[in-house]
């Protein structure tokens, strides 16, 4: 029986308690580097690739995803779209995001209505995901491009109310986003508070720089850890493997 990508995601969570995803921005990874990168990710026990960015300026998004999928037989390729232009049937699945931390109708439902026929025609598996921006100390691309206020990092009760709303609205995944390149990651106390009120898998990304930090997020209740920027800037060639090992515990 063919497993859906969502079922594979849940299987990783069941086996390891938490999974490790790597976020790829097509503007930051050349297509010719993809085969080596995928091979390294497979050797490092990465559980998933997310593909997307606030702006895709330089590359052909469809070609990038198709090339990634061609080499990535074992690691699911999941779209993490920054706009309706980042939808392609070449991927395994798509996080169908609604920015529920903001009060901007366009990001709650407007873009989703525009994207829905494209997703339908592409036949790609869509996984409904509640997307929440958390304040991490400075304005990130996600905050700026969305034109929305992030949720405060020191008020767990506000986050918990949003998490419960996401649960009652029927979202399958919850993504807590600190923003790429953010100064600090989402506080463990917030993740703990979120995990207390829901069984929905929590994806946590933004500002996670060390394996110890990733492990702490998992202990606080994160189901999936996402890193992106740190892999582009680090001198440590083993960081991906160290991150995966820390997350899998």
Protein backbone atom coordinates (compact mmCIF):
# COMPACT_ATOMS: atom_id res chain seq x y z
CA UNK A 1 0.00 0.00 0.00
CA UNK A 2 1.32 3.43 -0.97
CA UNK A 3 1.99 5.68 2.03
CA UNK A 4 1.14 9.33 1.74
CA UNK A 5 3.84 11.85 2.63
CA UNK A 6 1.81 12.83 5.70
CA UNK A 7 1.75 9.17 6.80
CA UNK A 8 5.54 9.02 6.34
CA UNK A 9 5.89 12.16 8.49
CA UNK A 10 3.81 10.54 11.24
CA UNK A 11 5.83 7.30 10.94
CA UNK A 12 9.08 9.21 11.58
CA UNK A 13 7.53 10.86 14.62
CA UNK A 14 6.38 7.48 15.89
CA UNK A 15 9.77 5.81 15.36
CA UNK A 16 12.09 8.54 16.66
CA UNK A 17 9.69 10.81 18.61
CA UNK A 18 11.05 13.64 16.44
CA UNK A 19 12.39 14.22 12.93
CA UNK A 20 14.93 16.52 11.29
CA UNK A 21 14.13 18.54 8.17
CA UNK A 22 16.45 20.69 6.09
CA UNK A 23 15.08 23.85 4.47
CA UNK A 24 16.47 24.59 1.02
CA UNK A 25 16.20 28.00 -0.61
CA UNK A 26 16.67 27.65 -4.39
CA UNK A 27 18.40 31.04 -4.40
CA UNK A 28 21.12 29.70 -2.11
CA UNK A 29 21.87 26.23 -3.53
CA UNK A 30 23.01 25.81 -7.15
CA UNK A 31 21.33 23.00 -9.09
CA UNK A 32 24.69 21.35 -9.83
CA UNK A 33 25.31 21.04 -6.08
CA UNK A 34 22.07 19.10 -5.52
CA UNK A 35 23.36 15.51 -6.13
CA UNK A 36 26.16 15.87 -3.56
CA UNK A 37 23.92 17.64 -1.08
CA UNK A 38 21.24 14.93 -1.28
CA UNK A 39 23.82 12.17 -0.88
CA UNK A 40 25.21 13.90 2.21
CA UNK A 41 21.71 14.42 3.63
CA UNK A 42 20.89 10.72 3.16
CA UNK A 43 24.12 9.71 4.90
CA UNK A 44 23.24 12.16 7.71
CA UNK A 45 19.76 10.59 8.27
CA UNK A 46 17.78 13.72 7.30
CA UNK A 47 14.02 12.98 7.36
CA UNK A 48 12.73 15.59 4.92
CA UNK A 49 13.55 18.47 2.60
CA UNK A 50 11.49 21.66 2.73
CA UNK A 51 11.80 23.87 -0.35
CA UNK A 52 10.82 27.52 -0.40
CA UNK A 53 11.83 31.08 0.34
CA UNK A 54 10.36 34.51 0.91
CA UNK A 55 11.65 35.53 -2.53
CA UNK A 56 12.81 33.30 -5.35
CA UNK A 57 14.92 35.64 -7.44
CA UNK A 58 17.58 33.75 -9.31
CA UNK A 59 16.46 30.24 -10.02
CA UNK A 60 13.72 28.38 -11.85
CA UNK A 61 11.68 26.96 -8.96
CA UNK A 62 10.15 24.06 -10.94
CA UNK A 63 13.50 22.94 -12.34
CA UNK A 64 15.13 23.13 -8.90
CA UNK A 65 12.44 20.97 -7.28
CA UNK A 66 12.47 18.47 -10.18
CA UNK A 67 16.27 18.13 -9.91
CA UNK A 68 16.04 17.69 -6.13
CA UNK A 69 13.33 15.02 -6.49
CA UNK A 70 15.32 13.19 -9.18
CA UNK A 71 18.17 12.60 -6.73
CA UNK A 72 16.13 12.35 -3.53
CA UNK A 73 14.61 8.87 -3.67
CA UNK A 74 14.51 8.28 0.09
CA UNK A 75 13.94 11.75 1.54
CA UNK A 76 10.52 13.36 0.89
CA UNK A 77 10.57 16.73 -0.88
CA UNK A 78 7.94 19.02 0.68
CA UNK A 79 7.09 22.48 -0.63
CA UNK A 80 7.12 25.30 1.90
CA UNK A 81 5.71 28.00 -0.36
CA UNK A 82 6.40 31.69 0.16
CA UNK A 83 3.89 32.51 -2.59
CA UNK A 84 1.46 30.93 -5.08
CA UNK A 85 4.34 30.83 -7.58
CA UNK A 86 6.09 28.17 -5.51
CA UNK A 87 3.79 25.28 -6.42
CA UNK A 88 5.00 22.43 -8.61
CA UNK A 89 3.86 18.80 -9.08
CA UNK A 90 7.55 17.75 -9.00
CA UNK A 91 7.49 17.59 -5.17
CA UNK A 92 6.00 14.86 -2.97
CA UNK A 93 3.76 17.18 -0.97
CA UNK A 94 3.06 20.77 -0.05
CA UNK A 95 2.50 22.44 3.31
CA UNK A 96 -0.78 24.28 2.65
CA UNK A 97 -0.05 27.15 4.99
CA UNK A 98 -2.36 29.61 6.70
CA UNK A 99 -0.62 32.37 8.66
CA UNK A 100 -2.83 32.25 11.72
CA UNK A 101 -0.55 34.34 13.93
CA UNK A 102 -1.41 37.42 11.81
CA UNK A 103 -4.66 39.24 11.17
CA UNK A 104 -4.03 39.88 7.48
CA UNK A 105 -6.82 38.22 5.46
CA UNK A 106 -4.60 37.74 2.42
CA UNK A 107 -2.31 35.35 4.33
CA UNK A 108 -5.12 33.65 6.24
CA UNK A 109 -7.29 32.75 3.22
CA UNK A 110 -6.71 35.05 0.21
CA UNK A 111 -3.54 33.45 -1.18
CA UNK A 112 -4.92 30.01 -0.31
CA UNK A 113 -7.96 30.55 -2.55
CA UNK A 114 -5.65 31.57 -5.42
CA UNK A 115 -3.39 28.57 -4.77
CA UNK A 116 -6.14 25.95 -4.38
CA UNK A 117 -6.93 25.46 -8.11
CA UNK A 118 -3.19 25.22 -8.86
CA UNK A 119 -2.76 22.59 -6.15
CA UNK A 120 -5.83 20.72 -7.44
CA UNK A 121 -4.56 20.70 -11.03
CA UNK A 122 -1.07 19.67 -10.00
CA UNK A 123 -2.40 16.66 -8.06
CA UNK A 124 0.16 17.27 -5.31
CA UNK A 125 -0.60 16.11 -1.76
CA UNK A 126 -1.56 19.14 0.35
CA UNK A 127 -1.03 19.04 4.13
CA UNK A 128 -2.96 21.74 5.99
CA UNK A 129 -0.51 23.59 8.21
CA UNK A 130 -1.11 26.35 10.75
CA UNK A 131 1.80 28.76 10.36
CA UNK A 132 2.73 31.02 13.27
CA UNK A 133 5.47 33.61 13.41
CA UNK A 134 7.09 33.99 16.83
CA UNK A 135 9.05 37.08 17.86
CA UNK A 136 12.76 36.23 18.06
CA UNK A 137 14.21 39.66 18.69
CA UNK A 138 14.49 41.19 15.24
CA UNK A 139 12.46 41.56 12.07
CA UNK A 140 12.95 38.60 9.73
CA UNK A 141 12.04 38.15 6.05
CA UNK A 142 8.88 36.29 7.04
CA UNK A 143 7.70 39.14 9.28
CA UNK A 144 8.48 41.80 6.69
CA UNK A 145 7.02 40.01 3.66
CA UNK A 146 3.82 39.08 5.49
CA UNK A 147 3.34 42.55 6.98
CA UNK A 148 2.14 40.94 10.21
CA UNK A 149 3.07 41.10 13.88
CA UNK A 150 4.69 37.97 15.29
CA UNK A 151 3.33 36.41 18.48
CA UNK A 152 5.16 37.60 21.63
CA UNK A 153 7.90 35.24 22.84
CA UNK A 154 7.11 35.78 26.54
CA UNK A 155 3.35 35.14 26.55
CA UNK A 156 2.67 31.38 26.37
CA UNK A 157 -1.07 31.89 26.95
CA UNK A 158 -1.42 33.80 23.64
CA UNK A 159 0.37 31.02 21.77
CA UNK A 160 -1.72 28.34 23.49
CA UNK A 161 -4.94 30.05 22.38
CA UNK A 162 -3.68 30.07 18.77
CA UNK A 163 -2.64 26.40 19.03
CA UNK A 164 -6.09 25.41 20.29
CA UNK A 165 -7.74 27.41 17.48
CA UNK A 166 -5.54 25.54 14.96
CA UNK A 167 -6.60 22.23 16.50
CA UNK A 168 -10.31 23.04 16.42
CA UNK A 169 -10.02 24.26 12.81
CA UNK A 170 -8.60 20.87 11.88
CA UNK A 171 -5.02 21.66 10.86
CA UNK A 172 -2.77 18.58 10.53
CA UNK A 173 0.54 20.27 11.34
CA UNK A 174 1.59 23.37 13.28
CA UNK A 175 4.68 25.31 12.21
CA UNK A 176 6.25 27.65 14.79
CA UNK A 177 8.57 29.95 12.85
CA UNK A 178 11.29 32.11 14.32
CA UNK A 179 12.28 33.32 10.85
CA UNK A 180 15.36 32.40 8.87
CA UNK A 181 18.57 33.86 10.21
CA UNK A 182 16.85 35.07 13.37
CA UNK A 183 19.03 36.10 16.34
CA UNK A 184 17.56 33.57 18.73
CA UNK A 185 15.38 30.49 18.45
CA UNK A 186 11.86 30.02 19.81
CA UNK A 187 12.02 29.65 23.63
CA UNK A 188 11.70 26.09 24.94
CA UNK A 189 9.00 27.29 27.37
CA UNK A 190 6.77 28.28 24.44
CA UNK A 191 7.20 24.88 22.77
CA UNK A 192 6.41 23.18 26.09
CA UNK A 193 3.26 25.30 26.47
CA UNK A 194 2.15 24.53 22.90
CA UNK A 195 2.75 20.80 23.30
CA UNK A 196 0.71 20.78 26.52
CA UNK A 197 -2.55 21.61 24.72
CA UNK A 198 -2.26 19.66 21.46
CA UNK A 199 -1.27 16.31 19.94
CA UNK A 200 -0.76 17.88 16.50
CA UNK A 201 2.90 17.54 15.43
CA UNK A 202 4.82 20.76 16.08
CA UNK A 203 7.41 21.87 13.53
CA UNK A 204 9.94 24.34 14.95
CA UNK A 205 12.35 26.38 12.84
CA UNK A 206 14.40 29.56 12.90
CA UNK A 207 17.64 30.38 14.70
CA UNK A 208 18.49 26.81 15.78
CA UNK A 209 22.28 26.66 15.49
CA UNK A 210 23.57 23.75 17.56
CA UNK A 211 22.69 20.08 18.12
CA UNK A 212 22.20 20.81 21.84
CA UNK A 213 19.67 23.50 21.02
CA UNK A 214 17.84 21.14 18.64
CA UNK A 215 17.73 18.44 21.32
CA UNK A 216 16.35 20.89 23.88
CA UNK A 217 13.51 21.80 21.48
CA UNK A 218 12.65 18.12 21.07
CA UNK A 219 12.66 17.61 24.84
CA UNK A 220 10.32 20.60 25.15
CA UNK A 221 7.88 18.94 22.73
CA UNK A 222 8.91 19.73 19.14
CA UNK A 223 8.07 16.94 16.67
CA UNK A 224 10.21 18.26 13.79
CA UNK A 225 13.24 20.54 13.82
CA UNK A 226 14.03 22.63 10.74
CA UNK A 227 17.39 24.24 9.97
CA UNK A 228 18.37 26.15 6.86
CA UNK A 229 20.71 29.14 7.11
CA UNK A 230 23.13 27.52 9.53
CA UNK A 231 24.01 24.81 6.99
CA UNK A 232 24.85 27.47 4.40
CA UNK A 233 27.22 29.40 6.67
CA UNK A 234 28.88 26.74 8.81
CA UNK A 235 32.43 25.45 8.43
CA UNK A 236 31.36 22.21 10.14
CA UNK A 237 30.83 19.60 7.42
CA UNK A 238 29.28 17.15 9.90
CA UNK A 239 26.68 19.54 11.30
CA UNK A 240 23.78 17.96 9.39
CA UNK A 241 24.59 14.50 10.80
CA UNK A 242 25.11 15.92 14.30
CA UNK A 243 21.75 17.74 14.13
CA UNK A 244 19.93 14.59 12.96
CA UNK A 245 21.53 12.49 15.71
CA UNK A 246 20.58 15.06 18.36
CA UNK A 247 16.98 15.24 17.14
CA UNK A 248 16.59 11.46 16.90
CA UNK A 249 18.10 11.15 20.39
